[in-house]
Amino acid sequence: MRRLLIGGATVLAVLIGLSSSAFAQSAQTLAIPGYEAAKDIPGAKELPDPSVTYKIVFDIGKAAPKPDEVNPGLAGVARYFNTLVKNGVPADHRKIAIIFHQDATDIVQNNEAFKARNDGHDNPNIALIRSLKNAGVDLRVCGQAVLARKIDPKTIQPEIQLDLWALTTRMNLLHRGYVDSGVPW
């Protein structure tokens, strides 16, 4: 009996170790740390296809509800990107672009400039913006929104490209084969 208990405990310890190491491994393989991929749905028919090149442009025009919260649009793109990764879509098949404009424009600023505009709140988006850029996401900001919001271009984070106008960027990307995400962020 004692042998059976020790054997059972050993098997249980191995299973727990395997499942936590599998969990840790899957968490480590996500391209954007801290943002889960979509949860698996047993029997789901439509999944990301590793043979498809995903050329998608996301417009982010809304601010987070509070200045100390990560922009929900950025978080959504991170989850989508990690879903592609989790489902085996190779890096050269992930062509994701984000255009910041309207009320979301302030998040492109470095921490000092953001704090000056937001009652001393740190910019909670900087780490995610860097992670997205490091993963290969193309980040753009509308120059017209930068002008309208009186943002000094020198305060734009280096990961983000300043363009003439969000509308021009969007149209150019669409002509280059990108599709609009259709998500109203």
N, C-alpha and C. Protein backbone atom coordinates (compact mmCIF):
# COMPACT_ATOMS: atom_id res chain seq x y z
N MET A 1 0.82 -1.20 0.00
CA MET A 1 0.00 0.00 0.00
C MET A 1 0.87 1.26 0.00
N ARG A 2 1.90 1.21 0.86
CA ARG A 2 2.79 2.37 0.94
C ARG A 2 3.48 2.61 -0.41
N ARG A 3 3.87 1.53 -1.05
CA ARG A 3 4.52 1.59 -2.35
C ARG A 3 3.57 2.22 -3.39
N LEU A 4 2.31 1.84 -3.32
CA LEU A 4 1.31 2.38 -4.23
C LEU A 4 1.13 3.88 -4.02
N LEU A 5 1.09 4.32 -2.75
CA LEU A 5 0.95 5.75 -2.45
C LEU A 5 2.16 6.54 -2.94
N ILE A 6 3.35 5.99 -2.71
CA ILE A 6 4.57 6.69 -3.15
C ILE A 6 4.59 6.75 -4.67
N GLY A 7 4.24 5.66 -5.32
CA GLY A 7 4.19 5.63 -6.79
C GLY A 7 3.17 6.61 -7.33
N GLY A 8 2.00 6.66 -6.71
CA GLY A 8 0.96 7.60 -7.14
C GLY A 8 1.39 9.04 -6.95
N ALA A 9 2.06 9.30 -5.82
CA ALA A 9 2.54 10.65 -5.54
C ALA A 9 3.60 11.06 -6.55
N THR A 10 4.45 10.11 -6.93
CA THR A 10 5.49 10.40 -7.92
C THR A 10 4.87 10.72 -9.28
N VAL A 11 3.89 9.91 -9.69
CA VAL A 11 3.22 10.16 -10.96
C VAL A 11 2.54 11.52 -10.94
N LEU A 12 1.85 11.85 -9.83
CA LEU A 12 1.18 13.13 -9.69
C LEU A 12 2.18 14.28 -9.78
N ALA A 13 3.33 14.15 -9.12
CA ALA A 13 4.35 15.20 -9.15
C ALA A 13 4.88 15.38 -10.56
N VAL A 14 5.09 14.28 -11.28
CA VAL A 14 5.57 14.37 -12.66
C VAL A 14 4.53 15.07 -13.54
N LEU A 15 3.25 14.69 -13.37
CA LEU A 15 2.18 15.31 -14.16
C LEU A 15 2.08 16.80 -13.88
N ILE A 16 2.16 17.17 -12.61
CA ILE A 16 2.10 18.59 -12.25
C ILE A 16 3.28 19.32 -12.85
N GLY A 17 4.45 18.73 -12.76
CA GLY A 17 5.66 19.33 -13.33
C GLY A 17 5.53 19.50 -14.83
N LEU A 18 5.02 18.47 -15.51
CA LEU A 18 4.85 18.56 -16.96
C LEU A 18 3.85 19.63 -17.34
N SER A 19 2.72 19.68 -16.64
CA SER A 19 1.71 20.67 -17.01
C SER A 19 2.20 22.08 -16.72
N SER A 20 2.93 22.30 -15.59
CA SER A 20 3.41 23.66 -15.36
C SER A 20 4.52 24.02 -16.31
N SER A 21 5.36 23.02 -16.70
CA SER A 21 6.39 23.35 -17.65
C SER A 21 5.78 23.59 -19.03
N ALA A 22 4.74 22.87 -19.39
CA ALA A 22 4.06 23.11 -20.67
C ALA A 22 3.42 24.49 -20.65
N PHE A 23 2.81 24.86 -19.51
CA PHE A 23 2.20 26.19 -19.39
C PHE A 23 3.27 27.27 -19.52
N ALA A 24 4.37 27.08 -18.80
CA ALA A 24 5.45 28.07 -18.84
C ALA A 24 6.01 28.16 -20.25
N GLN A 25 6.16 27.00 -20.91
CA GLN A 25 6.69 27.00 -22.26
C GLN A 25 5.76 27.72 -23.22
N SER A 26 4.44 27.46 -23.13
CA SER A 26 3.52 28.13 -24.04
C SER A 26 3.48 29.62 -23.77
N ALA A 27 3.60 30.01 -22.50
CA ALA A 27 3.61 31.44 -22.17
C ALA A 27 4.87 32.09 -22.71
N GLN A 28 6.00 31.35 -22.71
CA GLN A 28 7.24 31.91 -23.20
C GLN A 28 7.24 32.06 -24.71
N THR A 29 6.48 31.24 -25.43
CA THR A 29 6.50 31.28 -26.88
C THR A 29 5.62 32.39 -27.45
N LEU A 30 4.82 33.03 -26.63
CA LEU A 30 3.99 34.13 -27.12
C LEU A 30 4.89 35.32 -27.45
N ALA A 31 4.61 35.96 -28.56
CA ALA A 31 5.44 37.06 -29.03
C ALA A 31 5.29 38.32 -28.18
N ILE A 32 4.11 38.54 -27.64
CA ILE A 32 3.84 39.74 -26.84
C ILE A 32 3.62 39.29 -25.39
N PRO A 33 4.61 39.44 -24.53
CA PRO A 33 4.47 38.98 -23.13
C PRO A 33 3.33 39.71 -22.41
N GLY A 34 2.62 38.95 -21.58
CA GLY A 34 1.57 39.54 -20.75
C GLY A 34 0.20 39.60 -21.41
N TYR A 35 0.08 39.15 -22.64
CA TYR A 35 -1.20 39.20 -23.35
C TYR A 35 -1.52 37.82 -23.91
N GLU A 36 -2.57 37.22 -23.38
CA GLU A 36 -2.95 35.88 -23.79
C GLU A 36 -3.44 35.86 -25.23
N ALA A 37 -3.27 34.71 -25.85
CA ALA A 37 -3.90 34.47 -27.14
C ALA A 37 -5.36 34.12 -26.87
N ALA A 38 -6.17 34.10 -27.91
CA ALA A 38 -7.57 33.69 -27.76
C ALA A 38 -7.60 32.27 -27.20
N LYS A 39 -8.55 32.02 -26.35
CA LYS A 39 -8.69 30.68 -25.75
C LYS A 39 -9.15 29.69 -26.81
N ASP A 40 -8.65 28.45 -26.70
CA ASP A 40 -9.05 27.41 -27.63
C ASP A 40 -10.54 27.09 -27.46
N ILE A 41 -11.19 26.82 -28.55
CA ILE A 41 -12.60 26.42 -28.57
C ILE A 41 -12.67 25.05 -29.23
N PRO A 42 -12.98 24.01 -28.46
CA PRO A 42 -13.08 22.67 -29.07
C PRO A 42 -14.10 22.68 -30.20
N GLY A 43 -13.69 22.14 -31.34
CA GLY A 43 -14.59 22.04 -32.48
C GLY A 43 -14.69 23.29 -33.32
N ALA A 44 -13.95 24.36 -32.97
CA ALA A 44 -14.00 25.59 -33.77
C ALA A 44 -13.55 25.30 -35.19
N LYS A 45 -14.28 25.81 -36.15
CA LYS A 45 -13.99 25.54 -37.56
C LYS A 45 -13.00 26.52 -38.17
N GLU A 46 -13.12 27.79 -37.86
CA GLU A 46 -12.26 28.80 -38.48
C GLU A 46 -11.14 29.15 -37.51
N LEU A 47 -9.91 28.84 -37.90
CA LEU A 47 -8.72 29.10 -37.10
C LEU A 47 -7.71 29.86 -37.95
N PRO A 48 -6.74 30.54 -37.33
CA PRO A 48 -5.68 31.14 -38.14
C PRO A 48 -4.99 30.06 -38.98
N ASP A 49 -4.71 30.38 -40.22
CA ASP A 49 -4.14 29.43 -41.17
C ASP A 49 -2.67 29.78 -41.40
N PRO A 50 -1.74 28.92 -41.01
CA PRO A 50 -0.32 29.22 -41.18
C PRO A 50 0.11 29.45 -42.63
N SER A 51 -0.70 29.04 -43.60
CA SER A 51 -0.32 29.25 -45.00
C SER A 51 -0.78 30.61 -45.54
N VAL A 52 -1.59 31.33 -44.76
CA VAL A 52 -2.10 32.64 -45.17
C VAL A 52 -1.17 33.74 -44.66
N THR A 53 -0.96 34.76 -45.47
CA THR A 53 -0.25 35.96 -45.01
C THR A 53 -1.30 36.95 -44.53
N TYR A 54 -1.23 37.28 -43.25
CA TYR A 54 -2.19 38.19 -42.63
C TYR A 54 -1.65 39.62 -42.73
N LYS A 55 -2.17 40.39 -43.68
CA LYS A 55 -1.81 41.79 -43.86
C LYS A 55 -3.01 42.61 -43.39
N ILE A 56 -2.92 43.10 -42.16
CA ILE A 56 -4.07 43.75 -41.53
C ILE A 56 -3.65 45.09 -40.96
N VAL A 57 -4.50 46.09 -41.17
CA VAL A 57 -4.28 47.40 -40.57
C VAL A 57 -5.36 47.63 -39.51
N PHE A 58 -4.91 48.01 -38.32
CA PHE A 58 -5.80 48.34 -37.21
C PHE A 58 -5.76 49.85 -36.99
N ASP A 59 -6.93 50.47 -36.96
CA ASP A 59 -7.04 51.89 -36.60
C ASP A 59 -7.33 51.96 -35.11
N ILE A 60 -6.52 52.71 -34.39
CA ILE A 60 -6.80 52.95 -32.97
C ILE A 60 -7.02 54.44 -32.81
N GLY A 61 -8.28 54.81 -32.59
CA GLY A 61 -8.66 56.21 -32.50
C GLY A 61 -9.28 56.59 -31.17
N LYS A 62 -9.48 55.60 -30.30
CA LYS A 62 -10.08 55.88 -29.00
C LYS A 62 -9.03 55.78 -27.90
N ALA A 63 -9.17 56.65 -26.91
CA ALA A 63 -8.28 56.61 -25.75
C ALA A 63 -8.78 55.56 -24.76
N ALA A 64 -7.91 55.16 -23.87
CA ALA A 64 -8.32 54.29 -22.77
C ALA A 64 -9.26 55.08 -21.86
N PRO A 65 -10.15 54.40 -21.14
CA PRO A 65 -11.07 55.12 -20.25
C PRO A 65 -10.36 55.99 -19.21
N LYS A 66 -9.19 55.55 -18.76
CA LYS A 66 -8.41 56.33 -17.78
C LYS A 66 -6.98 56.41 -18.26
N PRO A 67 -6.28 57.53 -17.97
CA PRO A 67 -4.92 57.70 -18.50
C PRO A 67 -3.91 56.69 -17.96
N ASP A 68 -4.21 56.04 -16.84
CA ASP A 68 -3.26 55.06 -16.29
C ASP A 68 -3.58 53.63 -16.73
N GLU A 69 -4.47 53.47 -17.74
CA GLU A 69 -4.81 52.15 -18.27
C GLU A 69 -4.22 51.98 -19.67
N VAL A 70 -3.80 50.76 -19.97
CA VAL A 70 -3.32 50.45 -21.32
C VAL A 70 -4.49 50.60 -22.28
N ASN A 71 -4.22 51.15 -23.44
CA ASN A 71 -5.25 51.33 -24.44
C ASN A 71 -5.83 49.98 -24.83
N PRO A 72 -7.16 49.81 -24.75
CA PRO A 72 -7.78 48.52 -25.08
C PRO A 72 -7.53 48.07 -26.52
N GLY A 73 -7.38 49.01 -27.44
CA GLY A 73 -7.08 48.64 -28.81
C GLY A 73 -5.70 48.00 -28.93
N LEU A 74 -4.72 48.56 -28.23
CA LEU A 74 -3.38 47.97 -28.23
C LEU A 74 -3.40 46.57 -27.64
N ALA A 75 -4.12 46.41 -26.54
CA ALA A 75 -4.23 45.10 -25.90
C ALA A 75 -4.90 44.10 -26.84
N GLY A 76 -5.91 44.56 -27.57
CA GLY A 76 -6.61 43.69 -28.52
C GLY A 76 -5.70 43.24 -29.66
N VAL A 77 -4.89 44.14 -30.17
CA VAL A 77 -3.94 43.77 -31.23
C VAL A 77 -2.92 42.77 -30.69
N ALA A 78 -2.46 42.98 -29.46
CA ALA A 78 -1.49 42.05 -28.86
C ALA A 78 -2.10 40.65 -28.74
N ARG A 79 -3.34 40.56 -28.31
CA ARG A 79 -4.01 39.25 -28.19
C ARG A 79 -4.16 38.60 -29.57
N TYR A 80 -4.55 39.39 -30.56
CA TYR A 80 -4.70 38.86 -31.91
C TYR A 80 -3.36 38.35 -32.44
N PHE A 81 -2.33 39.16 -32.27
CA PHE A 81 -0.99 38.78 -32.72
C PHE A 81 -0.56 37.48 -32.06
N ASN A 82 -0.75 37.38 -30.75
CA ASN A 82 -0.38 36.16 -30.04
C ASN A 82 -1.22 34.96 -30.48
N THR A 83 -2.46 35.21 -30.90
CA THR A 83 -3.30 34.13 -31.42
C THR A 83 -2.72 33.60 -32.73
N LEU A 84 -2.24 34.50 -33.58
CA LEU A 84 -1.59 34.06 -34.82
C LEU A 84 -0.36 33.21 -34.50
N VAL A 85 0.45 33.69 -33.56
CA VAL A 85 1.67 32.97 -33.16
C VAL A 85 1.32 31.59 -32.61
N LYS A 86 0.37 31.56 -31.70
CA LYS A 86 -0.04 30.31 -31.06
C LYS A 86 -0.52 29.28 -32.07
N ASN A 87 -1.13 29.74 -33.14
CA ASN A 87 -1.67 28.85 -34.15
C ASN A 87 -0.70 28.57 -35.30
N GLY A 88 0.55 28.92 -35.10
CA GLY A 88 1.59 28.52 -36.04
C GLY A 88 1.77 29.40 -37.26
N VAL A 89 1.20 30.61 -37.26
CA VAL A 89 1.40 31.52 -38.39
C VAL A 89 2.83 32.05 -38.29
N PRO A 90 3.67 31.78 -39.29
CA PRO A 90 5.08 32.19 -39.20
C PRO A 90 5.23 33.72 -39.26
N ALA A 91 6.36 34.17 -38.74
CA ALA A 91 6.63 35.61 -38.65
C ALA A 91 6.49 36.32 -39.99
N ASP A 92 6.93 35.69 -41.07
CA ASP A 92 6.85 36.36 -42.37
C ASP A 92 5.44 36.37 -42.95
N HIS A 93 4.50 35.77 -42.23
CA HIS A 93 3.09 35.79 -42.64
C HIS A 93 2.25 36.69 -41.72
N ARG A 94 2.92 37.40 -40.80
CA ARG A 94 2.24 38.31 -39.87
C ARG A 94 2.64 39.74 -40.22
N LYS A 95 1.84 40.41 -41.03
CA LYS A 95 2.09 41.79 -41.46
C LYS A 95 1.00 42.66 -40.84
N ILE A 96 1.25 43.12 -39.64
CA ILE A 96 0.26 43.87 -38.87
C ILE A 96 0.71 45.32 -38.76
N ALA A 97 -0.20 46.24 -39.03
CA ALA A 97 0.08 47.67 -38.89
C ALA A 97 -0.98 48.30 -37.99
N ILE A 98 -0.54 49.26 -37.19
CA ILE A 98 -1.46 50.02 -36.33
C ILE A 98 -1.30 51.50 -36.68
N ILE A 99 -2.44 52.17 -36.84
CA ILE A 99 -2.44 53.62 -37.06
C ILE A 99 -3.10 54.28 -35.86
N PHE A 100 -2.37 55.14 -35.18
CA PHE A 100 -2.92 55.91 -34.05
C PHE A 100 -3.42 57.25 -34.58
N HIS A 101 -4.60 57.64 -34.14
CA HIS A 101 -5.15 58.93 -34.55
C HIS A 101 -6.23 59.34 -33.54
N GLN A 102 -6.83 60.47 -33.76
CA GLN A 102 -7.89 61.02 -32.93
C GLN A 102 -7.51 60.96 -31.44
N ASP A 103 -8.40 60.48 -30.58
CA ASP A 103 -8.17 60.50 -29.14
C ASP A 103 -7.07 59.56 -28.66
N ALA A 104 -6.63 58.63 -29.49
CA ALA A 104 -5.56 57.70 -29.10
C ALA A 104 -4.17 58.28 -29.35
N THR A 105 -4.10 59.45 -29.95
CA THR A 105 -2.81 60.00 -30.36
C THR A 105 -1.87 60.25 -29.18
N ASP A 106 -2.38 60.63 -28.03
CA ASP A 106 -1.52 60.96 -26.89
C ASP A 106 -0.63 59.79 -26.45
N ILE A 107 -1.05 58.56 -26.70
CA ILE A 107 -0.26 57.42 -26.21
C ILE A 107 1.05 57.23 -26.95
N VAL A 108 1.24 57.95 -28.06
CA VAL A 108 2.49 57.81 -28.81
C VAL A 108 3.63 58.60 -28.17
N GLN A 109 3.32 59.43 -27.19
CA GLN A 109 4.33 60.29 -26.57
C GLN A 109 5.21 59.54 -25.60
N ASN A 110 6.43 60.04 -25.43
CA ASN A 110 7.32 59.47 -24.42
C ASN A 110 6.72 59.74 -23.03
N ASN A 111 7.29 59.13 -22.03
CA ASN A 111 6.69 59.19 -20.70
C ASN A 111 6.62 60.62 -20.14
N GLU A 112 7.67 61.39 -20.34
CA GLU A 112 7.68 62.76 -19.79
C GLU A 112 6.57 63.62 -20.39
N ALA A 113 6.42 63.57 -21.70
CA ALA A 113 5.39 64.36 -22.37
C ALA A 113 3.99 63.87 -21.99
N PHE A 114 3.82 62.56 -21.91
CA PHE A 114 2.53 61.99 -21.51
C PHE A 114 2.16 62.43 -20.10
N LYS A 115 3.12 62.36 -19.18
CA LYS A 115 2.88 62.77 -17.79
C LYS A 115 2.46 64.24 -17.71
N ALA A 116 3.09 65.08 -18.51
CA ALA A 116 2.78 66.51 -18.49
C ALA A 116 1.34 66.78 -18.92
N ARG A 117 0.79 65.94 -19.77
CA ARG A 117 -0.58 66.11 -20.27
C ARG A 117 -1.62 65.35 -19.45
N ASN A 118 -1.17 64.45 -18.60
CA ASN A 118 -2.11 63.56 -17.91
C ASN A 118 -1.92 63.55 -16.40
N ASP A 119 -1.84 64.73 -15.82
CA ASP A 119 -1.78 64.90 -14.36
C ASP A 119 -0.75 64.02 -13.69
N GLY A 120 0.41 63.87 -14.33
CA GLY A 120 1.51 63.12 -13.74
C GLY A 120 1.44 61.61 -13.89
N HIS A 121 0.44 61.12 -14.62
CA HIS A 121 0.34 59.66 -14.85
C HIS A 121 1.40 59.22 -15.85
N ASP A 122 2.07 58.12 -15.53
CA ASP A 122 3.01 57.52 -16.48
C ASP A 122 2.25 56.98 -17.67
N ASN A 123 2.92 56.89 -18.81
CA ASN A 123 2.31 56.33 -20.01
C ASN A 123 2.34 54.80 -19.87
N PRO A 124 1.18 54.17 -19.63
CA PRO A 124 1.14 52.73 -19.42
C PRO A 124 1.27 51.92 -20.71
N ASN A 125 1.36 52.58 -21.84
CA ASN A 125 1.39 51.91 -23.15
C ASN A 125 2.80 51.66 -23.68
N ILE A 126 3.79 52.27 -23.07
CA ILE A 126 5.15 52.22 -23.62
C ILE A 126 5.68 50.80 -23.73
N ALA A 127 5.56 50.01 -22.68
CA ALA A 127 6.10 48.64 -22.73
C ALA A 127 5.41 47.81 -23.81
N LEU A 128 4.11 47.95 -23.94
CA LEU A 128 3.38 47.20 -24.95
C LEU A 128 3.75 47.67 -26.36
N ILE A 129 3.89 48.97 -26.54
CA ILE A 129 4.31 49.50 -27.85
C ILE A 129 5.67 48.92 -28.23
N ARG A 130 6.60 48.87 -27.28
CA ARG A 130 7.93 48.30 -27.56
C ARG A 130 7.83 46.81 -27.90
N SER A 131 7.01 46.08 -27.15
CA SER A 131 6.84 44.65 -27.42
C SER A 131 6.24 44.41 -28.80
N LEU A 132 5.25 45.21 -29.16
CA LEU A 132 4.64 45.07 -30.48
C LEU A 132 5.67 45.35 -31.58
N LYS A 133 6.43 46.41 -31.41
CA LYS A 133 7.46 46.76 -32.40
C LYS A 133 8.50 45.65 -32.50
N ASN A 134 8.95 45.14 -31.36
CA ASN A 134 9.94 44.07 -31.35
C ASN A 134 9.42 42.80 -32.01
N ALA A 135 8.10 42.61 -31.97
CA ALA A 135 7.48 41.43 -32.60
C ALA A 135 7.27 41.64 -34.10
N GLY A 136 7.50 42.86 -34.58
CA GLY A 136 7.37 43.11 -36.01
C GLY A 136 6.16 43.91 -36.43
N VAL A 137 5.40 44.44 -35.48
CA VAL A 137 4.23 45.24 -35.82
C VAL A 137 4.70 46.63 -36.27
N ASP A 138 4.08 47.14 -37.33
CA ASP A 138 4.37 48.44 -37.90
C ASP A 138 3.47 49.46 -37.20
N LEU A 139 4.07 50.44 -36.53
CA LEU A 139 3.32 51.43 -35.75
C LEU A 139 3.42 52.80 -36.41
N ARG A 140 2.26 53.43 -36.64
CA ARG A 140 2.20 54.73 -37.32
C ARG A 140 1.33 55.69 -36.52
N VAL A 141 1.57 56.97 -36.67
CA VAL A 141 0.71 57.98 -36.06
C VAL A 141 0.35 59.03 -37.10
N CYS A 142 -0.86 59.51 -37.00
CA CYS A 142 -1.39 60.53 -37.90
C CYS A 142 -0.74 61.89 -37.59
N GLY A 143 -0.07 62.46 -38.59
CA GLY A 143 0.56 63.77 -38.41
C GLY A 143 -0.45 64.87 -38.18
N GLN A 144 -1.64 64.76 -38.78
CA GLN A 144 -2.66 65.78 -38.59
C GLN A 144 -3.16 65.77 -37.14
N ALA A 145 -3.28 64.58 -36.57
CA ALA A 145 -3.69 64.48 -35.16
C ALA A 145 -2.60 65.01 -34.24
N VAL A 146 -1.34 64.75 -34.60
CA VAL A 146 -0.21 65.27 -33.81
C VAL A 146 -0.27 66.80 -33.80
N LEU A 147 -0.52 67.40 -34.97
CA LEU A 147 -0.63 68.86 -35.04
C LEU A 147 -1.83 69.37 -34.25
N ALA A 148 -2.98 68.74 -34.44
CA ALA A 148 -4.21 69.19 -33.77
C ALA A 148 -4.09 69.10 -32.25
N ARG A 149 -3.38 68.10 -31.76
CA ARG A 149 -3.24 67.91 -30.32
C ARG A 149 -2.00 68.61 -29.77
N LYS A 150 -1.31 69.35 -30.65
CA LYS A 150 -0.12 70.12 -30.27
C LYS A 150 0.94 69.24 -29.58
N ILE A 151 1.22 68.11 -30.22
CA ILE A 151 2.25 67.19 -29.73
C ILE A 151 3.55 67.52 -30.46
N ASP A 152 4.61 67.72 -29.70
CA ASP A 152 5.92 67.96 -30.29
C ASP A 152 6.40 66.65 -30.91
N PRO A 153 6.68 66.63 -32.21
CA PRO A 153 7.14 65.38 -32.85
C PRO A 153 8.37 64.77 -32.19
N LYS A 154 9.18 65.58 -31.53
CA LYS A 154 10.37 65.05 -30.83
C LYS A 154 9.99 64.18 -29.64
N THR A 155 8.73 64.28 -29.17
CA THR A 155 8.31 63.49 -28.01
C THR A 155 7.64 62.17 -28.41
N ILE A 156 7.55 61.92 -29.71
CA ILE A 156 6.96 60.66 -30.17
C ILE A 156 7.96 59.54 -29.94
N GLN A 157 7.48 58.44 -29.40
CA GLN A 157 8.35 57.31 -29.13
C GLN A 157 9.03 56.84 -30.41
N PRO A 158 10.29 56.42 -30.32
CA PRO A 158 11.05 56.06 -31.54
C PRO A 158 10.49 54.84 -32.28
N GLU A 159 9.67 54.04 -31.65
CA GLU A 159 9.08 52.87 -32.30
C GLU A 159 7.97 53.24 -33.28
N ILE A 160 7.54 54.50 -33.23
CA ILE A 160 6.35 54.92 -33.99
C ILE A 160 6.75 55.88 -35.11
N GLN A 161 6.28 55.58 -36.29
CA GLN A 161 6.55 56.42 -37.46
C GLN A 161 5.50 57.52 -37.57
N LEU A 162 5.95 58.74 -37.77
CA LEU A 162 5.07 59.88 -37.98
C LEU A 162 4.75 59.99 -39.47
N ASP A 163 3.47 59.92 -39.80
CA ASP A 163 3.02 60.01 -41.18
C ASP A 163 2.24 61.31 -41.38
N LEU A 164 1.99 61.66 -42.63
CA LEU A 164 1.27 62.88 -42.96
C LEU A 164 -0.14 62.88 -42.39
N TRP A 165 -0.87 61.78 -42.61
CA TRP A 165 -2.29 61.77 -42.29
C TRP A 165 -2.73 60.32 -42.18
N ALA A 166 -3.52 59.99 -41.18
CA ALA A 166 -4.00 58.62 -41.00
C ALA A 166 -4.73 58.11 -42.23
N LEU A 167 -5.50 58.97 -42.85
CA LEU A 167 -6.26 58.57 -44.03
C LEU A 167 -5.33 58.16 -45.17
N THR A 168 -4.25 58.92 -45.37
CA THR A 168 -3.28 58.58 -46.41
C THR A 168 -2.59 57.26 -46.08
N THR A 169 -2.16 57.10 -44.86
CA THR A 169 -1.50 55.86 -44.44
C THR A 169 -2.42 54.67 -44.66
N ARG A 170 -3.66 54.80 -44.22
CA ARG A 170 -4.63 53.71 -44.36
C ARG A 170 -4.84 53.35 -45.84
N MET A 171 -5.05 54.36 -46.68
CA MET A 171 -5.28 54.10 -48.11
C MET A 171 -4.05 53.47 -48.76
N ASN A 172 -2.87 53.96 -48.42
CA ASN A 172 -1.64 53.38 -48.98
C ASN A 172 -1.49 51.92 -48.58
N LEU A 173 -1.76 51.62 -47.33
CA LEU A 173 -1.65 50.23 -46.87
C LEU A 173 -2.69 49.34 -47.56
N LEU A 174 -3.90 49.85 -47.71
CA LEU A 174 -4.94 49.08 -48.40
C LEU A 174 -4.53 48.80 -49.85
N HIS A 175 -3.94 49.78 -50.51
CA HIS A 175 -3.47 49.59 -51.89
C HIS A 175 -2.31 48.59 -51.95
N ARG A 176 -1.59 48.44 -50.84
CA ARG A 176 -0.48 47.48 -50.80
C ARG A 176 -0.95 46.08 -50.39
N GLY A 177 -2.27 45.89 -50.30
CA GLY A 177 -2.80 44.56 -50.02
C GLY A 177 -3.22 44.30 -48.59
N TYR A 178 -3.11 45.30 -47.72
CA TYR A 178 -3.59 45.14 -46.35
C TYR A 178 -5.12 45.19 -46.37
N VAL A 179 -5.73 44.57 -45.38
CA VAL A 179 -7.18 44.68 -45.21
C VAL A 179 -7.44 45.42 -43.90
N ASP A 180 -8.57 46.08 -43.86
CA ASP A 180 -8.99 46.81 -42.66
C ASP A 180 -9.50 45.79 -41.65
N SER A 181 -9.05 45.91 -40.42
CA SER A 181 -9.50 44.98 -39.37
C SER A 181 -11.00 45.09 -39.12
N GLY A 182 -11.56 46.27 -39.35
CA GLY A 182 -12.98 46.47 -39.09
C GLY A 182 -13.32 46.60 -37.62
N VAL A 183 -12.32 46.57 -36.77
CA VAL A 183 -12.54 46.69 -35.33
C VAL A 183 -12.56 48.17 -34.95
N PRO A 184 -13.63 48.63 -34.31
CA PRO A 184 -13.74 50.09 -34.00
C PRO A 184 -13.02 50.49 -32.72
N TRP A 185 -11.68 50.49 -32.77
CA TRP A 185 -10.90 50.93 -31.61
C TRP A 185 -10.56 52.36 -31.80
